[in-house]
Amino acid sequence: MAGVVRVEFNKSKDFRQVYAIGATGGHTPYDFRIAFYNDSPKSFGEGHELKVIERSVETEIILSPSAAKELANWLLSHVNDYEKMFGQITQPKEVRKQPQKTETNSPIQGYM
């Protein structure tokens, strides 16, 4: 009979919580990267038309393919539990247009 292993969770001295409104990322054959960001309006055109959004990447996590799959399964399980308790999570009706990809604005792949 195998022994029981107890896992103790401790917060690192560098631990911080980050609220993010979105994420972007990518993968290589070796790892998955997810960068969490927040947006803020930066400049407006005529008639208060938004012209520039400043996207600040707050943090990035790098996972092995195995850990990425475990995270995806864990997250889906918790989303399903949440929806059972509180009802379906709805997405905004207006889908924001994705910014055009440029050298300075592309999904994170490889190193930043």
PDB file of N, CA and C in Angstrom:
ATOM      1  N   MET A   1       0.852  -1.178   0.000  1.00  0.00           N
ATOM      2  CA  MET A   1       0.000   0.000   0.000  1.00  0.00           C
ATOM      3  C   MET A   1       0.895   1.238   0.000  1.00  0.00           C
ATOM      4  N   ALA A   2       0.629   2.151  -0.913  1.00  0.00           N
ATOM      5  CA  ALA A   2       1.442   3.363  -1.034  1.00  0.00           C
ATOM      6  C   ALA A   2       1.124   4.328   0.102  1.00  0.00           C
ATOM      7  N   GLY A   3       2.153   5.077   0.502  1.00  0.00           N
ATOM      8  CA  GLY A   3       1.965   6.079   1.550  1.00  0.00           C
ATOM      9  C   GLY A   3       1.249   7.306   1.010  1.00  0.00           C
ATOM     10  N   VAL A   4       0.714   8.087   1.893  1.00  0.00           N
ATOM     11  CA  VAL A   4       0.019   9.312   1.531  1.00  0.00           C
ATOM     12  C   VAL A   4       1.022  10.457   1.504  1.00  0.00           C
ATOM     13  N   VAL A   5       0.954  11.247   0.455  1.00  0.00           N
ATOM     14  CA  VAL A   5       1.826  12.410   0.341  1.00  0.00           C
ATOM     15  C   VAL A   5       0.980  13.651   0.589  1.00  0.00           C
ATOM     16  N   ARG A   6       1.431  14.475   1.487  1.00  0.00           N
ATOM     17  CA  ARG A   6       0.735  15.724   1.786  1.00  0.00           C
ATOM     18  C   ARG A   6       1.462  16.854   1.072  1.00  0.00           C
ATOM     19  N   VAL A   7       0.724  17.706   0.397  1.00  0.00           N
ATOM     20  CA  VAL A   7       1.298  18.857  -0.301  1.00  0.00           C
ATOM     21  C   VAL A   7       0.971  20.097   0.509  1.00  0.00           C
ATOM     22  N   GLU A   8       1.998  20.867   0.839  1.00  0.00           N
ATOM     23  CA  GLU A   8       1.795  22.117   1.566  1.00  0.00           C
ATOM     24  C   GLU A   8       1.993  23.280   0.604  1.00  0.00           C
ATOM     25  N   PHE A   9       1.020  24.176   0.545  1.00  0.00           N
ATOM     26  CA  PHE A   9       1.098  25.348  -0.316  1.00  0.00           C
ATOM     27  C   PHE A   9       1.617  26.535   0.483  1.00  0.00           C
ATOM     28  N   ASN A  10       2.633  27.182  -0.028  1.00  0.00           N
ATOM     29  CA  ASN A  10       3.186  28.385   0.569  1.00  0.00           C
ATOM     30  C   ASN A  10       3.315  29.440  -0.515  1.00  0.00           C
ATOM     31  N   LYS A  11       2.982  30.672  -0.188  1.00  0.00           N
ATOM     32  CA  LYS A  11       3.144  31.772  -1.144  1.00  0.00           C
ATOM     33  C   LYS A  11       4.579  32.267  -1.096  1.00  0.00           C
ATOM     34  N   SER A  12       5.169  32.413  -2.275  1.00  0.00           N
ATOM     35  CA  SER A  12       6.519  32.954  -2.402  1.00  0.00           C
ATOM     36  C   SER A  12       6.541  34.376  -1.876  1.00  0.00           C
ATOM     37  N   LYS A  13       7.710  34.853  -1.459  1.00  0.00           N
ATOM     38  CA  LYS A  13       7.817  36.249  -1.014  1.00  0.00           C
ATOM     39  C   LYS A  13       7.542  37.204  -2.168  1.00  0.00           C
ATOM     40  N   ASP A  14       7.670  36.739  -3.408  1.00  0.00           N
ATOM     41  CA  ASP A  14       7.397  37.562  -4.592  1.00  0.00           C
ATOM     42  C   ASP A  14       5.968  37.405  -5.104  1.00  0.00           C
ATOM     43  N   PHE A  15       5.125  36.635  -4.389  1.00  0.00           N
ATOM     44  CA  PHE A  15       3.753  36.392  -4.819  1.00  0.00           C
ATOM     45  C   PHE A  15       2.989  37.704  -4.974  1.00  0.00           C
ATOM     46  N   ARG A  16       2.220  37.799  -6.061  1.00  0.00           N
ATOM     47  CA  ARG A  16       1.303  38.934  -6.233  1.00  0.00           C
ATOM     48  C   ARG A  16       0.124  38.467  -7.054  1.00  0.00           C
ATOM     49  N   GLN A  17      -1.021  39.055  -6.808  1.00  0.00           N
ATOM     50  CA  GLN A  17      -2.206  38.753  -7.585  1.00  0.00           C
ATOM     51  C   GLN A  17      -2.332  39.784  -8.686  1.00  0.00           C
ATOM     52  N   VAL A  18      -2.747  39.336  -9.863  1.00  0.00           N
ATOM     53  CA  VAL A  18      -2.906  40.222 -11.008  1.00  0.00           C
ATOM     54  C   VAL A  18      -4.291  39.988 -11.590  1.00  0.00           C
ATOM     55  N   TYR A  19      -5.057  41.057 -11.760  1.00  0.00           N
ATOM     56  CA  TYR A  19      -6.332  40.964 -12.455  1.00  0.00           C
ATOM     57  C   TYR A  19      -6.067  41.248 -13.926  1.00  0.00           C
ATOM     58  N   ALA A  20      -6.607  40.424 -14.795  1.00  0.00           N
ATOM     59  CA  ALA A  20      -6.398  40.613 -16.232  1.00  0.00           C
ATOM     60  C   ALA A  20      -7.731  40.564 -16.957  1.00  0.00           C
ATOM     61  N   ILE A  21      -7.849  41.378 -18.004  1.00  0.00           N
ATOM     62  CA  ILE A  21      -9.074  41.345 -18.795  1.00  0.00           C
ATOM     63  C   ILE A  21      -8.948  40.415 -19.996  1.00  0.00           C
ATOM     64  N   GLY A  22      -7.736  39.938 -20.255  1.00  0.00           N
ATOM     65  CA  GLY A  22      -7.555  39.040 -21.384  1.00  0.00           C
ATOM     66  C   GLY A  22      -6.211  38.353 -21.345  1.00  0.00           C
ATOM     67  N   ALA A  23      -6.031  37.464 -22.304  1.00  0.00           N
ATOM     68  CA  ALA A  23      -4.783  36.718 -22.409  1.00  0.00           C
ATOM     69  C   ALA A  23      -4.465  36.475 -23.876  1.00  0.00           C
ATOM     70  N   THR A  24      -3.208  36.348 -24.142  1.00  0.00           N
ATOM     71  CA  THR A  24      -2.732  35.988 -25.471  1.00  0.00           C
ATOM     72  C   THR A  24      -1.581  35.032 -25.265  1.00  0.00           C
ATOM     73  N   GLY A  25      -1.202  34.349 -26.290  1.00  0.00           N
ATOM     74  CA  GLY A  25      -0.100  33.432 -26.112  1.00  0.00           C
ATOM     75  C   GLY A  25       0.160  32.599 -27.338  1.00  0.00           C
ATOM     76  N   GLY A  26       0.911  31.589 -27.140  1.00  0.00           N
ATOM     77  CA  GLY A  26       1.266  30.703 -28.232  1.00  0.00           C
ATOM     78  C   GLY A  26       2.007  29.511 -27.691  1.00  0.00           C
ATOM     79  N   HIS A  27       2.566  28.751 -28.602  1.00  0.00           N
ATOM     80  CA  HIS A  27       3.308  27.575 -28.182  1.00  0.00           C
ATOM     81  C   HIS A  27       4.431  27.272 -29.153  1.00  0.00           C
ATOM     82  N   THR A  28       5.391  26.560 -28.653  1.00  0.00           N
ATOM     83  CA  THR A  28       6.485  26.019 -29.443  1.00  0.00           C
ATOM     84  C   THR A  28       6.394  24.505 -29.261  1.00  0.00           C
ATOM     85  N   PRO A  29       7.248  23.747 -29.889  1.00  0.00           N
ATOM     86  CA  PRO A  29       7.223  22.305 -29.615  1.00  0.00           C
ATOM     87  C   PRO A  29       7.571  21.979 -28.160  1.00  0.00           C
ATOM     88  N   TYR A  30       8.134  22.954 -27.425  1.00  0.00           N
ATOM     89  CA  TYR A  30       8.644  22.695 -26.089  1.00  0.00           C
ATOM     90  C   TYR A  30       7.796  23.234 -24.958  1.00  0.00           C
ATOM     91  N   ASP A  31       7.027  24.318 -25.219  1.00  0.00           N
ATOM     92  CA  ASP A  31       6.261  24.918 -24.132  1.00  0.00           C
ATOM     93  C   ASP A  31       5.084  25.724 -24.641  1.00  0.00           C
ATOM     94  N   PHE A  32       4.194  26.046 -23.705  1.00  0.00           N
ATOM     95  CA  PHE A  32       3.052  26.935 -23.950  1.00  0.00           C
ATOM     96  C   PHE A  32       3.308  28.200 -23.152  1.00  0.00           C
ATOM     97  N   ARG A  33       2.945  29.351 -23.738  1.00  0.00           N
ATOM     98  CA  ARG A  33       3.111  30.632 -23.058  1.00  0.00           C
ATOM     99  C   ARG A  33       1.775  31.357 -23.068  1.00  0.00           C
ATOM    100  N   ILE A  34       1.412  31.871 -21.911  1.00  0.00           N
ATOM    101  CA  ILE A  34       0.181  32.653 -21.779  1.00  0.00           C
ATOM    102  C   ILE A  34       0.550  33.960 -21.107  1.00  0.00           C
ATOM    103  N   ALA A  35       0.281  35.065 -21.793  1.00  0.00           N
ATOM    104  CA  ALA A  35       0.531  36.392 -21.234  1.00  0.00           C
ATOM    105  C   ALA A  35      -0.817  37.020 -20.896  1.00  0.00           C
ATOM    106  N   PHE A  36      -0.936  37.534 -19.686  1.00  0.00           N
ATOM    107  CA  PHE A  36      -2.165  38.171 -19.231  1.00  0.00           C
ATOM    108  C   PHE A  36      -2.003  39.677 -19.318  1.00  0.00           C
ATOM    109  N   TYR A  37      -3.046  40.355 -19.810  1.00  0.00           N
ATOM    110  CA  TYR A  37      -2.927  41.788 -20.052  1.00  0.00           C
ATOM    111  C   TYR A  37      -4.148  42.558 -19.588  1.00  0.00           C
ATOM    112  N   ASN A  38      -3.963  43.881 -19.537  1.00  0.00           N
ATOM    113  CA  ASN A  38      -5.035  44.847 -19.304  1.00  0.00           C
ATOM    114  C   ASN A  38      -4.958  45.902 -20.396  1.00  0.00           C
ATOM    115  N   ASP A  39      -6.110  46.412 -20.790  1.00  0.00           N
ATOM    116  CA  ASP A  39      -6.197  47.446 -21.821  1.00  0.00           C
ATOM    117  C   ASP A  39      -6.653  48.755 -21.210  1.00  0.00           C
ATOM    118  N   SER A  40      -6.161  49.866 -21.775  1.00  0.00           N
ATOM    119  CA  SER A  40      -6.687  51.180 -21.426  1.00  0.00           C
ATOM    120  C   SER A  40      -6.671  52.056 -22.667  1.00  0.00           C
ATOM    121  N   PRO A  41      -7.721  52.876 -22.817  1.00  0.00           N
ATOM    122  CA  PRO A  41      -7.757  53.772 -23.973  1.00  0.00           C
ATOM    123  C   PRO A  41      -6.596  54.752 -23.911  1.00  0.00           C
ATOM    124  N   LYS A  42      -5.967  54.995 -25.055  1.00  0.00           N
ATOM    125  CA  LYS A  42      -4.817  55.887 -25.080  1.00  0.00           C
ATOM    126  C   LYS A  42      -5.110  57.159 -25.870  1.00  0.00           C
ATOM    127  N   SER A  43      -5.765  57.028 -27.019  1.00  0.00           N
ATOM    128  CA  SER A  43      -6.082  58.239 -27.769  1.00  0.00           C
ATOM    129  C   SER A  43      -7.407  58.068 -28.512  1.00  0.00           C
ATOM    130  N   PHE A  44      -8.026  59.207 -28.765  1.00  0.00           N
ATOM    131  CA  PHE A  44      -9.322  59.237 -29.424  1.00  0.00           C
ATOM    132  C   PHE A  44      -9.224  60.090 -30.682  1.00  0.00           C
ATOM    133  N   GLY A  45     -10.061  59.773 -31.654  1.00  0.00           N
ATOM    134  CA  GLY A  45     -10.137  60.552 -32.880  1.00  0.00           C
ATOM    135  C   GLY A  45     -11.301  61.516 -32.804  1.00  0.00           C
ATOM    136  N   GLU A  46     -11.816  61.901 -33.974  1.00  0.00           N
ATOM    137  CA  GLU A  46     -12.961  62.811 -34.022  1.00  0.00           C
ATOM    138  C   GLU A  46     -14.191  62.110 -33.465  1.00  0.00           C
ATOM    139  N   GLY A  47     -15.027  62.845 -32.787  1.00  0.00           N
ATOM    140  CA  GLY A  47     -16.260  62.296 -32.238  1.00  0.00           C
ATOM    141  C   GLY A  47     -16.033  61.220 -31.192  1.00  0.00           C
ATOM    142  N   HIS A  48     -14.966  61.311 -30.485  1.00  0.00           N
ATOM    143  CA  HIS A  48     -14.628  60.372 -29.410  1.00  0.00           C
ATOM    144  C   HIS A  48     -14.453  58.944 -29.906  1.00  0.00           C
ATOM    145  N   GLU A  49     -14.085  58.781 -31.186  1.00  0.00           N
ATOM    146  CA  GLU A  49     -13.810  57.452 -31.715  1.00  0.00           C
ATOM    147  C   GLU A  49     -12.454  56.979 -31.188  1.00  0.00           C
ATOM    148  N   LEU A  50     -12.468  55.814 -30.586  1.00  0.00           N
ATOM    149  CA  LEU A  50     -11.243  55.273 -30.008  1.00  0.00           C
ATOM    150  C   LEU A  50     -10.269  54.910 -31.118  1.00  0.00           C
ATOM    151  N   LYS A  51      -9.066  55.434 -31.056  1.00  0.00           N
ATOM    152  CA  LYS A  51      -8.050  55.189 -32.076  1.00  0.00           C
ATOM    153  C   LYS A  51      -6.940  54.265 -31.583  1.00  0.00           C
ATOM    154  N   VAL A  52      -6.552  54.376 -30.304  1.00  0.00           N
ATOM    155  CA  VAL A  52      -5.441  53.585 -29.781  1.00  0.00           C
ATOM    156  C   VAL A  52      -5.812  53.032 -28.418  1.00  0.00           C
ATOM    157  N   ILE A  53      -5.548  51.740 -28.252  1.00  0.00           N
ATOM    158  CA  ILE A  53      -5.690  51.098 -26.950  1.00  0.00           C
ATOM    159  C   ILE A  53      -4.297  50.671 -26.521  1.00  0.00           C
ATOM    160  N   GLU A  54      -3.931  51.029 -25.311  1.00  0.00           N
ATOM    161  CA  GLU A  54      -2.640  50.589 -24.782  1.00  0.00           C
ATOM    162  C   GLU A  54      -2.857  49.258 -24.064  1.00  0.00           C
ATOM    163  N   ARG A  55      -2.142  48.238 -24.496  1.00  0.00           N
ATOM    164  CA  ARG A  55      -2.257  46.910 -23.900  1.00  0.00           C
ATOM    165  C   ARG A  55      -1.010  46.657 -23.064  1.00  0.00           C
ATOM    166  N   SER A  56      -1.205  46.510 -21.759  1.00  0.00           N
ATOM    167  CA  SER A  56      -0.082  46.275 -20.840  1.00  0.00           C
ATOM    168  C   SER A  56      -0.057  44.813 -20.435  1.00  0.00           C
ATOM    169  N   VAL A  57       1.011  44.129 -20.799  1.00  0.00           N
ATOM    170  CA  VAL A  57       1.173  42.739 -20.394  1.00  0.00           C
ATOM    171  C   VAL A  57       1.615  42.747 -18.940  1.00  0.00           C
ATOM    172  N   GLU A  58       0.813  42.124 -18.091  1.00  0.00           N
ATOM    173  CA  GLU A  58       1.055  42.137 -16.655  1.00  0.00           C
ATOM    174  C   GLU A  58       1.975  41.009 -16.217  1.00  0.00           C
ATOM    175  N   THR A  59       1.787  39.828 -16.809  1.00  0.00           N
ATOM    176  CA  THR A  59       2.590  38.672 -16.419  1.00  0.00           C
ATOM    177  C   THR A  59       2.485  37.616 -17.506  1.00  0.00           C
ATOM    178  N   GLU A  60       3.437  36.723 -17.539  1.00  0.00           N
ATOM    179  CA  GLU A  60       3.420  35.619 -18.495  1.00  0.00           C
ATOM    180  C   GLU A  60       3.772  34.339 -17.752  1.00  0.00           C
ATOM    181  N   ILE A  61       3.055  33.267 -18.089  1.00  0.00           N
ATOM    182  CA  ILE A  61       3.416  31.968 -17.535  1.00  0.00           C
ATOM    183  C   ILE A  61       3.880  31.075 -18.682  1.00  0.00           C
ATOM    184  N   ILE A  62       4.815  30.207 -18.373  1.00  0.00           N
ATOM    185  CA  ILE A  62       5.354  29.272 -19.347  1.00  0.00           C
ATOM    186  C   ILE A  62       5.124  27.876 -18.778  1.00  0.00           C
ATOM    187  N   LEU A  63       4.462  27.028 -19.575  1.00  0.00           N
ATOM    188  CA  LEU A  63       4.092  25.688 -19.114  1.00  0.00           C
ATOM    189  C   LEU A  63       4.610  24.625 -20.072  1.00  0.00           C
ATOM    190  N   SER A  64       4.921  23.469 -19.538  1.00  0.00           N
ATOM    191  CA  SER A  64       5.222  22.323 -20.387  1.00  0.00           C
ATOM    192  C   SER A  64       3.928  21.906 -21.080  1.00  0.00           C
ATOM    193  N   PRO A  65       3.997  21.185 -22.200  1.00  0.00           N
ATOM    194  CA  PRO A  65       2.758  20.721 -22.838  1.00  0.00           C
ATOM    195  C   PRO A  65       1.868  19.922 -21.882  1.00  0.00           C
ATOM    196  N   SER A  66       2.463  19.082 -21.053  1.00  0.00           N
ATOM    197  CA  SER A  66       1.684  18.303 -20.092  1.00  0.00           C
ATOM    198  C   SER A  66       0.977  19.212 -19.082  1.00  0.00           C
ATOM    199  N   ALA A  67       1.698  20.197 -18.550  1.00  0.00           N
ATOM    200  CA  ALA A  67       1.098  21.123 -17.575  1.00  0.00           C
ATOM    201  C   ALA A  67       0.017  21.975 -18.237  1.00  0.00           C
ATOM    202  N   ALA A  68       0.213  22.353 -19.504  1.00  0.00           N
ATOM    203  CA  ALA A  68      -0.802  23.135 -20.223  1.00  0.00           C
ATOM    204  C   ALA A  68      -2.093  22.334 -20.368  1.00  0.00           C
ATOM    205  N   LYS A  69      -1.970  21.063 -20.686  1.00  0.00           N
ATOM    206  CA  LYS A  69      -3.164  20.224 -20.819  1.00  0.00           C
ATOM    207  C   LYS A  69      -3.871  20.057 -19.475  1.00  0.00           C
ATOM    208  N   GLU A  70      -3.089  19.870 -18.401  1.00  0.00           N
ATOM    209  CA  GLU A  70      -3.681  19.773 -17.065  1.00  0.00           C
ATOM    210  C   GLU A  70      -4.400  21.067 -16.704  1.00  0.00           C
ATOM    211  N   LEU A  71      -3.800  22.219 -17.025  1.00  0.00           N
ATOM    212  CA  LEU A  71      -4.427  23.511 -16.751  1.00  0.00           C
ATOM    213  C   LEU A  71      -5.727  23.647 -17.536  1.00  0.00           C
ATOM    214  N   ALA A  72      -5.715  23.265 -18.816  1.00  0.00           N
ATOM    215  CA  ALA A  72      -6.930  23.354 -19.637  1.00  0.00           C
ATOM    216  C   ALA A  72      -8.049  22.503 -19.048  1.00  0.00           C
ATOM    217  N   ASN A  73      -7.726  21.281 -18.626  1.00  0.00           N
ATOM    218  CA  ASN A  73      -8.737  20.399 -18.021  1.00  0.00           C
ATOM    219  C   ASN A  73      -9.238  20.963 -16.694  1.00  0.00           C
ATOM    220  N   TRP A  74      -8.321  21.482 -15.873  1.00  0.00           N
ATOM    221  CA  TRP A  74      -8.700  22.056 -14.582  1.00  0.00           C
ATOM    222  C   TRP A  74      -9.616  23.260 -14.786  1.00  0.00           C
ATOM    223  N   LEU A  75      -9.245  24.131 -15.708  1.00  0.00           N
ATOM    224  CA  LEU A  75     -10.033  25.331 -15.964  1.00  0.00           C
ATOM    225  C   LEU A  75     -11.423  24.976 -16.490  1.00  0.00           C
ATOM    226  N   LEU A  76     -11.505  24.044 -17.439  1.00  0.00           N
ATOM    227  CA  LEU A  76     -12.804  23.629 -17.971  1.00  0.00           C
ATOM    228  C   LEU A  76     -13.678  23.030 -16.876  1.00  0.00           C
ATOM    229  N   SER A  77     -13.082  22.228 -16.000  1.00  0.00           N
ATOM    230  CA  SER A  77     -13.826  21.641 -14.891  1.00  0.00           C
ATOM    231  C   SER A  77     -14.401  22.733 -13.983  1.00  0.00           C
ATOM    232  N   HIS A  78     -13.601  23.757 -13.672  1.00  0.00           N
ATOM    233  CA  HIS A  78     -14.073  24.829 -12.800  1.00  0.00           C
ATOM    234  C   HIS A  78     -15.095  25.730 -13.491  1.00  0.00           C
ATOM    235  N   VAL A  79     -14.958  25.943 -14.785  1.00  0.00           N
ATOM    236  CA  VAL A  79     -15.974  26.704 -15.522  1.00  0.00           C
ATOM    237  C   VAL A  79     -17.293  25.932 -15.499  1.00  0.00           C
ATOM    238  N   ASN A  80     -17.246  24.634 -15.719  1.00  0.00           N
ATOM    239  CA  ASN A  80     -18.466  23.819 -15.666  1.00  0.00           C
ATOM    240  C   ASN A  80     -19.109  23.864 -14.286  1.00  0.00           C
ATOM    241  N   ASP A  81     -18.298  23.753 -13.222  1.00  0.00           N
ATOM    242  CA  ASP A  81     -18.830  23.842 -11.853  1.00  0.00           C
ATOM    243  C   ASP A  81     -19.466  25.210 -11.607  1.00  0.00           C
ATOM    244  N   TYR A  82     -18.808  26.269 -12.052  1.00  0.00           N
ATOM    245  CA  TYR A  82     -19.316  27.632 -11.887  1.00  0.00           C
ATOM    246  C   TYR A  82     -20.678  27.764 -12.563  1.00  0.00           C
ATOM    247  N   GLU A  83     -20.775  27.263 -13.806  1.00  0.00           N
ATOM    248  CA  GLU A  83     -22.033  27.400 -14.544  1.00  0.00           C
ATOM    249  C   GLU A  83     -23.151  26.568 -13.922  1.00  0.00           C
ATOM    250  N   LYS A  84     -22.827  25.446 -13.309  1.00  0.00           N
ATOM    251  CA  LYS A  84     -23.839  24.660 -12.599  1.00  0.00           C
ATOM    252  C   LYS A  84     -24.384  25.437 -11.408  1.00  0.00           C
ATOM    253  N   MET A  85     -23.505  26.174 -10.733  1.00  0.00           N
ATOM    254  CA  MET A  85     -23.916  26.919  -9.537  1.00  0.00           C
ATOM    255  C   MET A  85     -24.580  28.252  -9.869  1.00  0.00           C
ATOM    256  N   PHE A  86     -24.069  28.977 -10.870  1.00  0.00           N
ATOM    257  CA  PHE A  86     -24.490  30.355 -11.107  1.00  0.00           C
ATOM    258  C   PHE A  86     -25.145  30.606 -12.460  1.00  0.00           C
ATOM    259  N   GLY A  87     -25.201  29.600 -13.306  1.00  0.00           N
ATOM    260  CA  GLY A  87     -25.778  29.779 -14.638  1.00  0.00           C
ATOM    261  C   GLY A  87     -24.695  30.000 -15.680  1.00  0.00           C
ATOM    262  N   GLN A  88     -25.125  29.933 -16.921  1.00  0.00           N
ATOM    263  CA  GLN A  88     -24.193  30.021 -18.037  1.00  0.00           C
ATOM    264  C   GLN A  88     -23.447  31.354 -18.064  1.00  0.00           C
ATOM    265  N   ILE A  89     -22.176  31.283 -18.326  1.00  0.00           N
ATOM    266  CA  ILE A  89     -21.361  32.483 -18.503  1.00  0.00           C
ATOM    267  C   ILE A  89     -21.629  32.989 -19.911  1.00  0.00           C
ATOM    268  N   THR A  90     -22.058  34.235 -20.008  1.00  0.00           N
ATOM    269  CA  THR A  90     -22.357  34.784 -21.332  1.00  0.00           C
ATOM    270  C   THR A  90     -21.200  35.649 -21.799  1.00  0.00           C
ATOM    271  N   GLN A  91     -20.985  35.643 -23.078  1.00  0.00           N
ATOM    272  CA  GLN A  91     -19.967  36.472 -23.696  1.00  0.00           C
ATOM    273  C   GLN A  91     -20.609  37.791 -24.105  1.00  0.00           C
ATOM    274  N   PRO A  92     -19.829  38.863 -24.180  1.00  0.00           N
ATOM    275  CA  PRO A  92     -20.390  40.133 -24.650  1.00  0.00           C
ATOM    276  C   PRO A  92     -20.975  39.966 -26.048  1.00  0.00           C
ATOM    277  N   LYS A  93     -22.102  40.648 -26.309  1.00  0.00           N
ATOM    278  CA  LYS A  93     -22.755  40.521 -27.615  1.00  0.00           C
ATOM    279  C   LYS A  93     -21.917  41.138 -28.722  1.00  0.00           C
ATOM    280  N   GLU A  94     -21.278  42.257 -28.417  1.00  0.00           N
ATOM    281  CA  GLU A  94     -20.445  42.907 -29.427  1.00  0.00           C
ATOM    282  C   GLU A  94     -19.044  42.328 -29.325  1.00  0.00           C
ATOM    283  N   VAL A  95     -18.622  41.696 -30.385  1.00  0.00           N
ATOM    284  CA  VAL A  95     -17.280  41.123 -30.397  1.00  0.00           C
ATOM    285  C   VAL A  95     -16.318  42.196 -30.862  1.00  0.00           C
ATOM    286  N   ARG A  96     -15.309  42.449 -30.026  1.00  0.00           N
ATOM    287  CA  ARG A  96     -14.318  43.463 -30.386  1.00  0.00           C
ATOM    288  C   ARG A  96     -13.508  42.981 -31.575  1.00  0.00           C
ATOM    289  N   LYS A  97     -13.220  43.906 -32.490  1.00  0.00           N
ATOM    290  CA  LYS A  97     -12.348  43.568 -33.599  1.00  0.00           C
ATOM    291  C   LYS A  97     -10.952  43.376 -33.059  1.00  0.00           C
ATOM    292  N   GLN A  98     -10.288  42.326 -33.525  1.00  0.00           N
ATOM    293  CA  GLN A  98      -8.914  42.099 -33.124  1.00  0.00           C
ATOM    294  C   GLN A  98      -8.022  43.085 -33.864  1.00  0.00           C
ATOM    295  N   PRO A  99      -7.053  43.680 -33.177  1.00  0.00           N
ATOM    296  CA  PRO A  99      -6.154  44.615 -33.842  1.00  0.00           C
ATOM    297  C   PRO A  99      -5.385  43.923 -34.956  1.00  0.00           C
ATOM    298  N   GLN A 100      -5.032  44.686 -35.972  1.00  0.00           N
ATOM    299  CA  GLN A 100      -4.208  44.153 -37.054  1.00  0.00           C
ATOM    300  C   GLN A 100      -2.869  43.729 -36.481  1.00  0.00           C
ATOM    301  N   LYS A 101      -2.360  42.597 -36.941  1.00  0.00           N
ATOM    302  CA  LYS A 101      -1.063  42.123 -36.475  1.00  0.00           C
ATOM    303  C   LYS A 101       0.043  42.960 -37.107  1.00  0.00           C
ATOM    304  N   THR A 102       0.932  43.420 -36.269  1.00  0.00           N
ATOM    305  CA  THR A 102       2.115  44.130 -36.727  1.00  0.00           C
ATOM    306  C   THR A 102       3.296  43.566 -35.968  1.00  0.00           C
ATOM    307  N   GLU A 103       4.469  44.054 -36.251  1.00  0.00           N
ATOM    308  CA  GLU A 103       5.639  43.557 -35.535  1.00  0.00           C
ATOM    309  C   GLU A 103       5.533  43.818 -34.037  1.00  0.00           C
ATOM    310  N   THR A 104       4.843  44.899 -33.638  1.00  0.00           N
ATOM    311  CA  THR A 104       4.754  45.222 -32.213  1.00  0.00           C
ATOM    312  C   THR A 104       3.466  44.717 -31.585  1.00  0.00           C
ATOM    313  N   ASN A 105       2.581  44.102 -32.379  1.00  0.00           N
ATOM    314  CA  ASN A 105       1.310  43.644 -31.842  1.00  0.00           C
ATOM    315  C   ASN A 105       0.969  42.303 -32.455  1.00  0.00           C
ATOM    316  N   SER A 106       1.510  41.237 -31.896  1.00  0.00           N
ATOM    317  CA  SER A 106       1.225  39.904 -32.405  1.00  0.00           C
ATOM    318  C   SER A 106       1.133  38.952 -31.238  1.00  0.00           C
ATOM    319  N   PRO A 107       0.467  37.809 -31.451  1.00  0.00           N
ATOM    320  CA  PRO A 107       0.402  36.842 -30.373  1.00  0.00           C
ATOM    321  C   PRO A 107       1.797  36.474 -29.894  1.00  0.00           C
ATOM    322  N   ILE A 108       1.918  36.260 -28.606  1.00  0.00           N
ATOM    323  CA  ILE A 108       3.228  35.962 -28.037  1.00  0.00           C
ATOM    324  C   ILE A 108       3.627  34.553 -28.434  1.00  0.00           C
ATOM    325  N   GLN A 109       4.727  34.432 -29.103  1.00  0.00           N
ATOM    326  CA  GLN A 109       5.300  33.151 -29.493  1.00  0.00           C
ATOM    327  C   GLN A 109       6.774  33.226 -29.141  1.00  0.00           C
ATOM    328  N   GLY A 110       7.299  32.201 -28.545  1.00  0.00           N
ATOM    329  CA  GLY A 110       8.707  32.233 -28.186  1.00  0.00           C
ATOM    330  C   GLY A 110       8.944  33.210 -27.056  1.00  0.00           C
ATOM    331  N   TYR A 111      10.030  33.925 -27.144  1.00  0.00           N
ATOM    332  CA  TYR A 111      10.390  34.830 -26.068  1.00  0.00           C
ATOM    333  C   TYR A 111       9.938  36.245 -26.358  1.00  0.00           C
ATOM    334  N   MET A 112       9.599  36.973 -25.281  1.00  0.00           N
ATOM    335  CA  MET A 112       9.175  38.375 -25.428  1.00  0.00           C
ATOM    336  C   MET A 112      10.392  39.246 -25.548  1.00  0.00           C
TER     337      MET A 112
END
